[in-house]
């Protein structure tokens, strides 16, 4: 993400960052995502339960919470043309979301409006996942 100047200024006091930093500076891939391609939103409450979305470890264990997040995602992606990247806090959260959403039929509802591609765990599988995503961008 760019610009990184403010973030870098805040983190430079970190010994961990300083020991891992690239000598040539941070990588800013401005050519990957243009400002007009990016929409970021904070969802203050879930669609179903009208309760605040608080992303804690405990809440990600709750099927009700994960379902409410999924319904909110479905409503959002139904209104957004093209491709959508949806980030979850961890692989464990992703695994639980897939489990709950498939069991409830929400995954199939999502598949009706977008081509669904999950992040592979193996780097060797990433090119195929990227190809599937790019192919789906034109269909969504």
C-alpha atoms as a PDB file:
ATOM      1  CA  UNK A   1       0.000   0.000   0.000  1.00  0.00           C
ATOM      2  CA  UNK A   2       1.152   3.501  -0.590  1.00  0.00           C
ATOM      3  CA  UNK A   3       2.182   5.989   0.534  1.00  0.00           C
ATOM      4  CA  UNK A   4       4.208   4.397   3.285  1.00  0.00           C
ATOM      5  CA  UNK A   5       5.980   7.506   4.576  1.00  0.00           C
ATOM      6  CA  UNK A   6       3.833   8.089   7.669  1.00  0.00           C
ATOM      7  CA  UNK A   7       3.758   4.410   8.581  1.00  0.00           C
ATOM      8  CA  UNK A   8       7.497   4.109   8.068  1.00  0.00           C
ATOM      9  CA  UNK A   9       8.108   7.147  10.263  1.00  0.00           C
ATOM     10  CA  UNK A  10       6.057   5.568  13.056  1.00  0.00           C
ATOM     11  CA  UNK A  11       7.720   2.172  12.756  1.00  0.00           C
ATOM     12  CA  UNK A  12      11.340   3.247  12.288  1.00  0.00           C
ATOM     13  CA  UNK A  13      11.754   3.395  16.054  1.00  0.00           C
ATOM     14  CA  UNK A  14      11.070  -0.349  16.057  1.00  0.00           C
ATOM     15  CA  UNK A  15      14.261  -2.395  16.357  1.00  0.00           C
ATOM     16  CA  UNK A  16      12.509  -5.347  14.690  1.00  0.00           C
ATOM     17  CA  UNK A  17      11.625  -3.277  11.632  1.00  0.00           C
ATOM     18  CA  UNK A  18      15.040  -1.670  11.420  1.00  0.00           C
ATOM     19  CA  UNK A  19      16.729  -5.080  11.418  1.00  0.00           C
ATOM     20  CA  UNK A  20      14.484  -6.351   8.598  1.00  0.00           C
ATOM     21  CA  UNK A  21      14.128  -3.206   6.480  1.00  0.00           C
ATOM     22  CA  UNK A  22      15.280  -3.261   2.882  1.00  0.00           C
ATOM     23  CA  UNK A  23      18.261  -0.994   2.258  1.00  0.00           C
ATOM     24  CA  UNK A  24      16.602   0.417  -0.824  1.00  0.00           C
ATOM     25  CA  UNK A  25      13.499   1.244   1.226  1.00  0.00           C
ATOM     26  CA  UNK A  26      10.006  -0.238   1.352  1.00  0.00           C
ATOM     27  CA  UNK A  27       8.322  -1.666  -1.720  1.00  0.00           C
ATOM     28  CA  UNK A  28       5.423   0.476  -2.873  1.00  0.00           C
ATOM     29  CA  UNK A  29       3.540  -1.229  -5.671  1.00  0.00           C
ATOM     30  CA  UNK A  30       1.612   1.793  -6.931  1.00  0.00           C
ATOM     31  CA  UNK A  31       1.164   0.127 -10.315  1.00  0.00           C
ATOM     32  CA  UNK A  32      -0.790  -2.799  -8.817  1.00  0.00           C
ATOM     33  CA  UNK A  33      -3.794  -0.995  -7.337  1.00  0.00           C
ATOM     34  CA  UNK A  34      -4.682   2.465  -8.536  1.00  0.00           C
ATOM     35  CA  UNK A  35      -6.593   4.826  -6.207  1.00  0.00           C
ATOM     36  CA  UNK A  36      -9.707   4.622  -8.397  1.00  0.00           C
ATOM     37  CA  UNK A  37      -9.699   0.820  -7.985  1.00  0.00           C
ATOM     38  CA  UNK A  38      -9.759   0.840  -4.205  1.00  0.00           C
ATOM     39  CA  UNK A  39     -12.737   1.159  -1.918  1.00  0.00           C
ATOM     40  CA  UNK A  40     -12.216   0.563   1.777  1.00  0.00           C
ATOM     41  CA  UNK A  41     -15.076   0.453   4.244  1.00  0.00           C
ATOM     42  CA  UNK A  42     -15.543  -0.155   7.922  1.00  0.00           C
ATOM     43  CA  UNK A  43     -18.702  -2.000   8.834  1.00  0.00           C
ATOM     44  CA  UNK A  44     -19.760  -0.757  12.264  1.00  0.00           C
ATOM     45  CA  UNK A  45     -22.550  -3.312  12.657  1.00  0.00           C
ATOM     46  CA  UNK A  46     -23.552  -6.623  11.173  1.00  0.00           C
ATOM     47  CA  UNK A  47     -26.505  -6.998   8.864  1.00  0.00           C
ATOM     48  CA  UNK A  48     -28.525  -9.592  10.763  1.00  0.00           C
ATOM     49  CA  UNK A  49     -28.013  -8.941  14.424  1.00  0.00           C
ATOM     50  CA  UNK A  50     -27.811  -5.141  14.316  1.00  0.00           C
ATOM     51  CA  UNK A  51     -24.988  -5.483  16.821  1.00  0.00           C
ATOM     52  CA  UNK A  52     -21.534  -3.948  16.568  1.00  0.00           C
ATOM     53  CA  UNK A  53     -18.986  -5.964  14.641  1.00  0.00           C
ATOM     54  CA  UNK A  54     -16.145  -6.527  17.073  1.00  0.00           C
ATOM     55  CA  UNK A  55     -13.486  -8.760  15.539  1.00  0.00           C
ATOM     56  CA  UNK A  56     -12.156 -10.701  18.497  1.00  0.00           C
ATOM     57  CA  UNK A  57     -10.857 -14.236  18.651  1.00  0.00           C
ATOM     58  CA  UNK A  58     -13.928 -15.253  20.636  1.00  0.00           C
ATOM     59  CA  UNK A  59     -16.349 -13.721  18.152  1.00  0.00           C
ATOM     60  CA  UNK A  60     -14.678 -15.533  15.253  1.00  0.00           C
ATOM     61  CA  UNK A  61     -15.500 -18.777  17.080  1.00  0.00           C
ATOM     62  CA  UNK A  62     -19.195 -17.845  17.099  1.00  0.00           C
ATOM     63  CA  UNK A  63     -21.206 -19.134  14.160  1.00  0.00           C
ATOM     64  CA  UNK A  64     -23.748 -16.323  14.626  1.00  0.00           C
ATOM     65  CA  UNK A  65     -21.029 -13.683  14.337  1.00  0.00           C
ATOM     66  CA  UNK A  66     -19.392 -15.310  11.293  1.00  0.00           C
ATOM     67  CA  UNK A  67     -22.779 -15.682   9.594  1.00  0.00           C
ATOM     68  CA  UNK A  68     -23.616 -12.029  10.262  1.00  0.00           C
ATOM     69  CA  UNK A  69     -20.287 -10.976   8.732  1.00  0.00           C
ATOM     70  CA  UNK A  70     -20.977 -13.243   5.748  1.00  0.00           C
ATOM     71  CA  UNK A  71     -24.423 -11.779   5.131  1.00  0.00           C
ATOM     72  CA  UNK A  72     -22.909  -8.294   5.276  1.00  0.00           C
ATOM     73  CA  UNK A  73     -20.229  -9.349   2.771  1.00  0.00           C
ATOM     74  CA  UNK A  74     -22.917 -10.775   0.476  1.00  0.00           C
ATOM     75  CA  UNK A  75     -24.891  -7.533   0.544  1.00  0.00           C
ATOM     76  CA  UNK A  76     -21.760  -5.490  -0.193  1.00  0.00           C
ATOM     77  CA  UNK A  77     -20.363  -7.625  -3.024  1.00  0.00           C
ATOM     78  CA  UNK A  78     -23.780  -7.770  -4.663  1.00  0.00           C
ATOM     79  CA  UNK A  79     -23.503  -4.004  -5.220  1.00  0.00           C
ATOM     80  CA  UNK A  80     -19.868  -3.881  -6.345  1.00  0.00           C
ATOM     81  CA  UNK A  81     -19.018  -4.541 -10.003  1.00  0.00           C
ATOM     82  CA  UNK A  82     -15.946  -6.525 -10.953  1.00  0.00           C
ATOM     83  CA  UNK A  83     -13.682  -8.319  -8.545  1.00  0.00           C
ATOM     84  CA  UNK A  84     -13.608  -8.018  -4.784  1.00  0.00           C
ATOM     85  CA  UNK A  85     -10.874  -9.037  -2.373  1.00  0.00           C
ATOM     86  CA  UNK A  86     -12.168  -9.806   1.101  1.00  0.00           C
ATOM     87  CA  UNK A  87      -9.607 -10.156   3.869  1.00  0.00           C
ATOM     88  CA  UNK A  88     -10.225 -12.043   7.099  1.00  0.00           C
ATOM     89  CA  UNK A  89      -7.993 -11.765  10.170  1.00  0.00           C
ATOM     90  CA  UNK A  90      -6.384 -15.211   9.955  1.00  0.00           C
ATOM     91  CA  UNK A  91      -6.403 -18.571   8.218  1.00  0.00           C
ATOM     92  CA  UNK A  92      -8.354 -19.924  11.180  1.00  0.00           C
ATOM     93  CA  UNK A  93     -11.032 -17.256  10.639  1.00  0.00           C
ATOM     94  CA  UNK A  94     -11.107 -18.140   6.949  1.00  0.00           C
ATOM     95  CA  UNK A  95     -11.479 -21.852   7.723  1.00  0.00           C
ATOM     96  CA  UNK A  96     -14.369 -21.201  10.121  1.00  0.00           C
ATOM     97  CA  UNK A  97     -16.060 -18.822   7.697  1.00  0.00           C
ATOM     98  CA  UNK A  98     -15.845 -21.395   4.910  1.00  0.00           C
ATOM     99  CA  UNK A  99     -17.204 -24.098   7.214  1.00  0.00           C
ATOM    100  CA  UNK A 100     -20.132 -22.016   8.489  1.00  0.00           C
ATOM    101  CA  UNK A 101     -20.949 -20.390   5.143  1.00  0.00           C
ATOM    102  CA  UNK A 102     -20.907 -23.699   3.244  1.00  0.00           C
ATOM    103  CA  UNK A 103     -23.024 -25.410   5.892  1.00  0.00           C
ATOM    104  CA  UNK A 104     -25.637 -22.631   5.822  1.00  0.00           C
ATOM    105  CA  UNK A 105     -25.752 -22.191   2.047  1.00  0.00           C
ATOM    106  CA  UNK A 106     -24.323 -18.672   2.219  1.00  0.00           C
ATOM    107  CA  UNK A 107     -21.281 -19.789   0.185  1.00  0.00           C
ATOM    108  CA  UNK A 108     -23.601 -20.779  -2.667  1.00  0.00           C
ATOM    109  CA  UNK A 109     -25.374 -17.413  -2.396  1.00  0.00           C
ATOM    110  CA  UNK A 110     -22.001 -15.673  -2.686  1.00  0.00           C
ATOM    111  CA  UNK A 111     -21.125 -17.857  -5.680  1.00  0.00           C
ATOM    112  CA  UNK A 112     -24.260 -16.627  -7.454  1.00  0.00           C
ATOM    113  CA  UNK A 113     -22.898 -13.061  -7.499  1.00  0.00           C
ATOM    114  CA  UNK A 114     -19.100 -13.519  -7.629  1.00  0.00           C
ATOM    115  CA  UNK A 115     -16.547 -16.085  -8.713  1.00  0.00           C
ATOM    116  CA  UNK A 116     -15.146 -17.351  -5.415  1.00  0.00           C
ATOM    117  CA  UNK A 117     -11.447 -18.036  -5.033  1.00  0.00           C
ATOM    118  CA  UNK A 118      -9.849 -18.716  -1.673  1.00  0.00           C
ATOM    119  CA  UNK A 119      -6.239 -17.980  -0.921  1.00  0.00           C
ATOM    120  CA  UNK A 120      -4.168 -21.137  -1.335  1.00  0.00           C
ATOM    121  CA  UNK A 121      -1.812 -22.193   1.440  1.00  0.00           C
ATOM    122  CA  UNK A 122       0.920 -23.239  -0.997  1.00  0.00           C
ATOM    123  CA  UNK A 123       2.812 -20.545  -2.925  1.00  0.00           C
ATOM    124  CA  UNK A 124       2.935 -22.852  -5.951  1.00  0.00           C
ATOM    125  CA  UNK A 125      -0.885 -22.682  -6.160  1.00  0.00           C
ATOM    126  CA  UNK A 126      -1.044 -18.866  -6.166  1.00  0.00           C
ATOM    127  CA  UNK A 127      -0.680 -18.374  -9.968  1.00  0.00           C
ATOM    128  CA  UNK A 128      -3.732 -20.570 -10.605  1.00  0.00           C
ATOM    129  CA  UNK A 129      -5.746 -18.784  -7.906  1.00  0.00           C
ATOM    130  CA  UNK A 130      -4.774 -15.415  -9.431  1.00  0.00           C
ATOM    131  CA  UNK A 131      -5.788 -16.653 -12.877  1.00  0.00           C
ATOM    132  CA  UNK A 132      -9.196 -17.786 -11.548  1.00  0.00           C
ATOM    133  CA  UNK A 133      -9.696 -14.439  -9.807  1.00  0.00           C
ATOM    134  CA  UNK A 134      -8.790 -12.420 -12.909  1.00  0.00           C
ATOM    135  CA  UNK A 135     -11.071 -14.580 -15.053  1.00  0.00           C
ATOM    136  CA  UNK A 136     -13.884 -13.962 -12.589  1.00  0.00           C
ATOM    137  CA  UNK A 137     -13.381 -10.193 -12.434  1.00  0.00           C
ATOM    138  CA  UNK A 138     -15.013  -9.779 -15.825  1.00  0.00           C
ATOM    139  CA  UNK A 139     -17.939 -11.962 -14.795  1.00  0.00           C
ATOM    140  CA  UNK A 140     -18.728 -10.210 -11.511  1.00  0.00           C
END
